[in-house]
Amino acid sequence: MILLYQNCKAILSNSLHEFNKVKMNKNILLTGPPRIGKTTLIMRVIEKIKNREVGGFYTEEIREKGIRKGFKILTLDGNEGILSHVNYKGRFRVGKYSVNLIDLEEIGVKSILDSLEKDIIVIDEVGKMELFSEKFKAVVLRAMDTGKVLGTIKLGRDEFTERIRMRKDTEITGVTFQNRDTLVNRLVEEILKG
């Protein structure tokens, strides 16, 4: 009788754990002009779905005396690196910023790989700087095959981002000043209903 009780308890516990897990059934990528609030929107969504396993990375501006000097990579498990900077000497450039492929691959790509078994994989962003890395592009496609990506994608189009936009398992949502506040709850509902 005790063994039967323990088996039932274990099955029920596992069932409840699975029930509480987020099961996204499609990737959700946000797009829009710079500084429209895409990253903020993702962070607000993550805040509302606490107790879920979320991994990946996002980018943030580096400002010195109010002037943007570059971008950093921040992982959801606390690691940090430089994506690009005006003073960095790298092979690839976007405007005045040189891209740091080492940190992108050792921190950003690694954070995606480490998140493949989690409920949600944040990729912020699939942008011009990140696309200089073949490792990044490969891991993005691998993550998207899970159907669990919540991320951002650049407005401009190229062969790689067009390939992502054409995926049947991916929803692209435009962010505007008018819709960005209402999108939070809609995205939370979309993620939780999956």
Protein backbone atom coordinates (compact mmCIF):
# COMPACT_ATOMS: atom_id res chain seq x y z
CA MET A 1 0.00 0.00 0.00
CA ILE A 2 2.82 2.40 0.90
CA LEU A 3 4.64 1.55 -2.35
CA LEU A 4 1.47 2.19 -4.37
CA TYR A 5 1.03 5.56 -2.60
CA GLN A 6 4.65 6.54 -3.33
CA ASN A 7 4.30 5.56 -7.01
CA CYS A 8 1.06 7.56 -7.36
CA LYS A 9 2.66 10.53 -5.61
CA ALA A 10 5.68 10.39 -7.94
CA ILE A 11 3.47 10.18 -11.05
CA LEU A 12 1.28 13.05 -9.86
CA SER A 13 4.34 15.16 -9.01
CA ASN A 14 5.85 14.57 -12.46
CA SER A 15 2.51 15.33 -14.13
CA LEU A 16 2.14 18.61 -12.24
CA HIS A 17 5.73 19.56 -13.11
CA GLU A 18 5.03 18.92 -16.80
CA PHE A 19 1.71 20.78 -16.60
CA ASN A 20 3.45 23.84 -15.14
CA LYS A 21 6.14 23.90 -17.82
CA VAL A 22 5.76 26.35 -20.67
CA LYS A 23 5.15 24.59 -23.93
CA MET A 24 5.64 27.18 -26.64
CA ASN A 25 4.40 25.84 -29.93
CA LYS A 26 6.07 28.46 -32.07
CA ASN A 27 8.91 30.92 -32.03
CA ILE A 28 8.00 34.55 -31.42
CA LEU A 29 10.29 37.24 -32.81
CA LEU A 30 9.79 40.96 -32.33
CA THR A 31 10.90 43.49 -34.89
CA GLY A 32 10.90 47.25 -35.10
CA PRO A 33 13.16 50.27 -35.29
CA PRO A 34 16.01 50.74 -32.81
CA ARG A 35 15.01 52.06 -29.37
CA ILE A 36 11.31 51.16 -29.82
CA GLY A 37 11.40 48.93 -26.73
CA LYS A 38 11.83 45.37 -28.04
CA THR A 39 14.28 44.30 -25.34
CA THR A 40 12.23 45.99 -22.61
CA LEU A 41 9.16 44.16 -23.88
CA ILE A 42 10.93 40.79 -23.70
CA MET A 43 12.15 41.50 -20.17
CA ARG A 44 8.61 42.44 -19.10
CA VAL A 45 7.27 39.18 -20.56
CA ILE A 46 9.95 37.16 -18.74
CA GLU A 47 9.07 38.93 -15.48
CA LYS A 48 5.43 37.82 -15.86
CA ILE A 49 6.24 34.16 -16.45
CA LYS A 50 8.30 33.59 -13.33
CA ASN A 51 8.97 30.03 -12.21
CA ARG A 52 9.70 29.04 -15.79
CA GLU A 53 13.06 27.93 -17.07
CA VAL A 54 14.27 30.77 -19.27
CA GLY A 55 17.74 31.10 -20.75
CA GLY A 56 19.58 32.94 -23.46
CA PHE A 57 20.83 36.49 -23.79
CA TYR A 58 19.90 40.07 -24.53
CA THR A 59 21.85 43.15 -25.51
CA GLU A 60 22.09 46.51 -23.81
CA GLU A 61 23.68 49.82 -24.74
CA ILE A 62 26.99 50.87 -23.24
CA ARG A 63 26.81 54.59 -22.47
CA GLU A 64 29.58 56.86 -21.31
CA LYS A 65 28.63 60.40 -20.29
CA GLY A 66 25.28 59.95 -22.03
CA ILE A 67 26.84 58.91 -25.35
CA ARG A 68 26.35 55.42 -26.75
CA LYS A 69 29.75 53.76 -27.11
CA GLY A 70 28.72 50.18 -27.83
CA PHE A 71 26.62 47.22 -26.82
CA LYS A 72 27.05 44.51 -24.22
CA ILE A 73 25.76 40.95 -24.10
CA LEU A 74 23.97 39.91 -20.89
CA THR A 75 22.94 36.33 -20.31
CA LEU A 76 19.95 35.45 -18.19
CA ASP A 77 22.22 33.42 -15.92
CA GLY A 78 24.45 36.39 -15.11
CA ASN A 79 27.32 36.37 -17.62
CA GLU A 80 28.32 39.53 -19.45
CA GLY A 81 30.50 40.49 -22.39
CA ILE A 82 31.04 43.16 -25.01
CA LEU A 83 29.22 42.72 -28.33
CA SER A 84 30.65 45.86 -29.92
CA HIS A 85 32.40 49.07 -28.99
CA VAL A 86 33.83 52.16 -30.66
CA ASN A 87 37.25 51.43 -29.09
CA TYR A 88 37.32 47.71 -29.90
CA LYS A 89 39.61 46.72 -32.75
CA GLY A 90 37.85 43.95 -34.64
CA ARG A 91 37.60 42.73 -38.21
CA PHE A 92 33.86 43.39 -38.56
CA ARG A 93 32.21 46.79 -38.25
CA VAL A 94 28.68 48.15 -38.14
CA GLY A 95 28.86 51.91 -38.40
CA LYS A 96 31.33 53.17 -35.82
CA TYR A 97 31.23 49.94 -33.78
CA SER A 98 33.64 47.02 -34.14
CA VAL A 99 32.05 43.66 -33.38
CA ASN A 100 33.59 41.37 -30.76
CA LEU A 101 32.98 37.87 -32.15
CA ILE A 102 34.88 36.27 -29.26
CA ASP A 103 32.39 37.43 -26.60
CA LEU A 104 29.45 36.86 -28.93
CA GLU A 105 30.44 33.23 -29.43
CA GLU A 106 31.83 32.43 -25.99
CA ILE A 107 28.99 34.11 -24.10
CA GLY A 108 26.00 34.63 -26.43
CA VAL A 109 26.21 31.42 -28.45
CA LYS A 110 27.02 29.41 -25.32
CA SER A 111 23.98 30.84 -23.52
CA ILE A 112 21.73 29.67 -26.35
CA LEU A 113 23.28 26.19 -26.36
CA ASP A 114 22.91 25.97 -22.58
CA SER A 115 19.21 26.90 -22.93
CA LEU A 116 18.09 24.35 -25.49
CA GLU A 117 16.40 22.22 -22.80
CA LYS A 118 14.77 25.20 -21.05
CA ASP A 119 11.18 26.31 -21.52
CA ILE A 120 12.04 29.55 -23.32
CA ILE A 121 15.17 30.60 -25.19
CA VAL A 122 15.72 34.38 -25.39
CA ILE A 123 17.73 35.61 -28.38
CA ASP A 124 18.04 39.39 -28.47
CA GLU A 125 18.89 39.92 -31.13
CA VAL A 126 19.24 38.41 -34.57
CA GLY A 127 20.84 41.57 -35.88
CA LYS A 128 23.50 42.85 -38.20
CA MET A 129 26.32 42.57 -35.66
CA GLU A 130 25.46 39.03 -34.59
CA LEU A 131 25.16 37.79 -38.16
CA PHE A 132 28.91 38.12 -38.75
CA SER A 133 29.21 34.88 -36.74
CA GLU A 134 28.54 31.59 -38.51
CA LYS A 135 28.40 29.88 -35.10
CA PHE A 136 25.67 32.30 -34.04
CA LYS A 137 23.62 31.65 -37.17
CA ALA A 138 23.92 27.87 -36.73
CA VAL A 139 22.84 27.94 -33.08
CA VAL A 140 19.93 30.29 -33.84
CA LEU A 141 18.55 27.78 -36.35
CA ARG A 142 19.07 24.95 -33.87
CA ALA A 143 17.22 26.91 -31.17
CA MET A 144 14.40 27.79 -33.53
CA ASP A 145 13.90 24.10 -34.31
CA THR A 146 12.77 23.72 -30.68
CA GLY A 147 9.87 26.15 -31.19
CA LYS A 148 10.77 27.91 -27.92
CA VAL A 149 12.51 31.12 -29.03
CA LEU A 150 11.37 34.50 -27.78
CA GLY A 151 13.59 37.06 -29.44
CA THR A 152 14.14 40.02 -31.67
CA ILE A 153 15.07 40.24 -35.33
CA LYS A 154 16.37 43.21 -37.25
CA LEU A 155 14.02 45.16 -39.51
CA GLY A 156 16.37 45.03 -42.49
CA ARG A 157 16.29 41.91 -44.59
CA ASP A 158 19.01 39.62 -45.84
CA GLU A 159 19.18 35.98 -46.90
CA PHE A 160 19.50 34.61 -43.35
CA THR A 161 16.79 36.71 -41.71
CA GLU A 162 14.48 36.10 -44.67
CA ARG A 163 14.93 32.37 -44.12
CA ILE A 164 13.84 32.85 -40.52
CA ARG A 165 10.89 35.05 -41.49
CA MET A 166 9.61 32.36 -43.89
CA ARG A 167 9.51 29.61 -41.24
CA LYS A 168 6.04 28.24 -40.57
CA ASP A 169 6.89 27.78 -36.87
CA THR A 170 7.72 31.45 -36.38
CA GLU A 171 5.56 34.49 -35.74
CA ILE A 172 7.07 37.90 -36.48
CA THR A 173 5.44 40.74 -34.54
CA GLY A 174 6.11 44.40 -35.23
CA VAL A 175 6.61 46.60 -32.17
CA THR A 176 5.39 50.21 -32.25
CA PHE A 177 4.95 52.91 -29.63
CA GLN A 178 1.20 52.27 -29.92
CA ASN A 179 1.22 48.50 -29.33
CA ARG A 180 4.24 47.80 -27.15
CA ASP A 181 2.38 47.98 -23.82
CA THR A 182 -0.51 45.76 -24.93
CA LEU A 183 1.89 43.25 -26.48
CA VAL A 184 3.20 42.19 -23.07
CA ASN A 185 -0.02 40.47 -21.99
CA ARG A 186 -0.71 39.10 -25.46
CA LEU A 187 2.74 37.49 -25.62
CA VAL A 188 2.41 36.08 -22.10
CA GLU A 189 -0.94 34.51 -23.06
CA GLU A 190 0.51 33.17 -26.29
CA ILE A 191 3.44 31.58 -24.48
CA LEU A 192 1.35 30.10 -21.68
CA LYS A 193 -1.33 28.66 -23.96
CA GLY A 194 1.24 26.82 -26.11
